[in-house]
Protein backbone atom coordinates (compact mmCIF):
# COMPACT_ATOMS: atom_id res chain seq x y z
CA UNK A 1 5.83 -17.86 14.67
CA UNK A 2 5.82 -14.53 13.18
CA UNK A 3 6.24 -14.02 9.57
CA UNK A 4 8.67 -11.22 8.99
CA UNK A 5 6.93 -8.91 6.38
CA UNK A 6 9.13 -7.26 3.68
CA UNK A 7 8.96 -3.36 3.00
CA UNK A 8 6.42 -3.49 0.45
CA UNK A 9 3.68 -5.53 2.69
CA UNK A 10 4.75 -2.96 5.50
CA UNK A 11 3.99 0.00 3.16
CA UNK A 12 1.08 -1.34 1.19
CA UNK A 13 -0.79 -3.90 2.80
CA UNK A 14 -3.18 -3.09 5.57
CA UNK A 15 -4.23 -6.35 6.73
CA UNK A 16 -2.78 -9.92 5.43
CA UNK A 17 -5.76 -12.17 6.80
CA UNK A 18 -8.97 -11.74 8.76
CA UNK A 19 -8.72 -7.84 7.83
CA UNK A 20 -11.80 -5.94 9.00
CA UNK A 21 -12.30 -2.17 8.63
CA UNK A 22 -10.64 -1.82 12.14
CA UNK A 23 -7.33 -2.08 10.41
CA UNK A 24 -7.56 1.01 8.91
CA UNK A 25 -7.36 2.77 12.24
CA UNK A 26 -3.55 2.21 12.26
CA UNK A 27 -3.02 4.25 9.13
CA UNK A 28 -1.78 7.12 10.60
CA UNK A 29 1.01 5.28 12.85
CA UNK A 30 1.87 3.65 9.60
CA UNK A 31 2.17 6.93 7.71
CA UNK A 32 4.63 8.08 10.43
CA UNK A 33 6.82 5.27 10.06
CA UNK A 34 6.91 4.95 6.18
CA UNK A 35 7.98 8.28 6.27
CA UNK A 36 10.58 7.88 8.97
CA UNK A 37 13.51 6.63 7.03
CA UNK A 38 13.69 9.37 4.61
CA UNK A 39 12.60 11.98 7.00
CA UNK A 40 10.15 13.62 4.58
CA UNK A 41 6.80 12.69 3.95
CA UNK A 42 4.89 11.12 1.04
CA UNK A 43 2.04 13.02 -0.47
CA UNK A 44 0.14 9.70 -1.22
CA UNK A 45 0.59 6.23 0.01
CA UNK A 46 -1.82 3.43 -1.01
CA UNK A 47 -2.77 0.59 1.25
CA UNK A 48 -4.73 -2.55 -0.07
CA UNK A 49 -7.12 -4.48 2.13
CA UNK A 50 -5.86 -7.58 0.86
CA UNK A 51 -7.75 -10.09 2.80
CA UNK A 52 -7.08 -13.00 0.98
CA UNK A 53 -3.46 -12.79 0.11
CA UNK A 54 -4.34 -11.61 -3.58
CA UNK A 55 -0.69 -9.86 -3.47
CA UNK A 56 0.89 -12.75 -1.75
CA UNK A 57 3.34 -14.04 -4.39
CA UNK A 58 2.79 -11.65 -6.78
CA UNK A 59 6.98 -11.49 -8.10
CA UNK A 60 6.80 -15.52 -8.40
CA UNK A 61 6.95 -15.28 -12.03
CA UNK A 62 10.60 -14.46 -12.55
CA UNK A 63 10.30 -10.81 -14.26
CA UNK A 64 11.73 -7.70 -12.64
CA UNK A 65 8.31 -5.90 -13.41
CA UNK A 66 4.78 -7.59 -12.49
CA UNK A 67 1.32 -6.35 -13.81
CA UNK A 68 -1.87 -8.06 -12.57
CA UNK A 69 -5.55 -7.42 -12.69
CA UNK A 70 -6.96 -7.35 -9.44
CA UNK A 71 -9.77 -6.33 -7.53
CA UNK A 72 -9.02 -5.04 -4.12
CA UNK A 73 -10.41 -2.03 -2.14
CA UNK A 74 -7.69 0.32 -1.30
CA UNK A 75 -7.16 3.11 0.96
CA UNK A 76 -5.16 5.92 -0.16
CA UNK A 77 -3.62 8.19 2.32
CA UNK A 78 -3.46 11.90 0.94
CA UNK A 79 -1.90 14.54 2.70
CA UNK A 80 -3.53 17.92 3.18
CA UNK A 81 -1.81 20.45 1.23
CA UNK A 82 -1.14 23.30 3.96
CA UNK A 83 -0.25 20.41 6.73
CA UNK A 84 2.80 20.51 8.62
CA UNK A 85 5.80 18.66 7.73
CA UNK A 86 7.50 15.53 8.88
CA UNK A 87 6.86 14.13 11.52
CA UNK A 88 3.60 15.78 11.79
CA UNK A 89 1.75 15.70 8.55
CA UNK A 90 -1.80 14.93 8.39
CA UNK A 91 -3.39 12.38 6.12
CA UNK A 92 -7.08 11.82 5.14
CA UNK A 93 -8.54 8.45 4.06
CA UNK A 94 -9.69 8.24 0.00
CA UNK A 95 -11.68 4.64 0.11
CA UNK A 96 -11.35 3.06 -3.68
CA UNK A 97 -11.18 0.25 -5.70
CA UNK A 98 -8.01 -1.34 -7.45
CA UNK A 99 -8.25 -2.89 -10.97
CA UNK A 100 -4.57 -3.44 -11.81
CA UNK A 101 -1.73 -3.17 -9.92
CA UNK A 102 2.16 -3.10 -11.20
CA UNK A 103 5.08 -3.57 -8.64
CA UNK A 104 8.70 -3.78 -9.27
CA UNK A 105 10.64 -7.21 -7.81
CA UNK A 106 14.15 -7.80 -6.77
CA UNK A 107 16.10 -10.84 -7.64
CA UNK A 108 14.47 -13.00 -4.61
CA UNK A 109 10.96 -12.44 -6.23
CA UNK A 110 10.01 -10.20 -3.58
CA UNK A 111 8.12 -7.00 -4.31
CA UNK A 112 10.19 -3.76 -3.31
CA UNK A 113 8.20 -1.22 -5.01
CA UNK A 114 4.81 -0.09 -5.82
CA UNK A 115 4.85 1.42 -9.51
CA UNK A 116 1.17 1.73 -10.48
CA UNK A 117 -2.26 1.32 -9.60
CA UNK A 118 -5.15 1.49 -11.78
CA UNK A 119 -8.08 2.69 -9.97
CA UNK A 120 -11.75 1.80 -10.72
CA UNK A 121 -13.54 5.11 -11.60
CA UNK A 122 -16.58 6.01 -10.01
CA UNK A 123 -19.35 7.02 -12.54
CA UNK A 124 -21.96 9.27 -10.73
């Protein structure tokens, strides 16, 4: 049976299991789907390459706002400044590493909003 993903998972997790770099090929399609409900283009959207389910159950602690130390690869889809608007916005992928994440959780203990990502700085 197929598991139904939350909005948070659809918008921010590139792979839930058996993740490989080939999963990132869908990011342009995913950005179109993410932008569609509001008919506007987000300037940036962060996708976590969560191969081990680190973010699964992040809201299981009963608080509305959860912050966790993590060590996950991320891809930030950043829009080009001179790109067309919705639905034709073009994005570039910027790979990185997240060291901490803060999410907002609803009363059902489901993440619904990515509030903050702390990124590892590249030295050099």
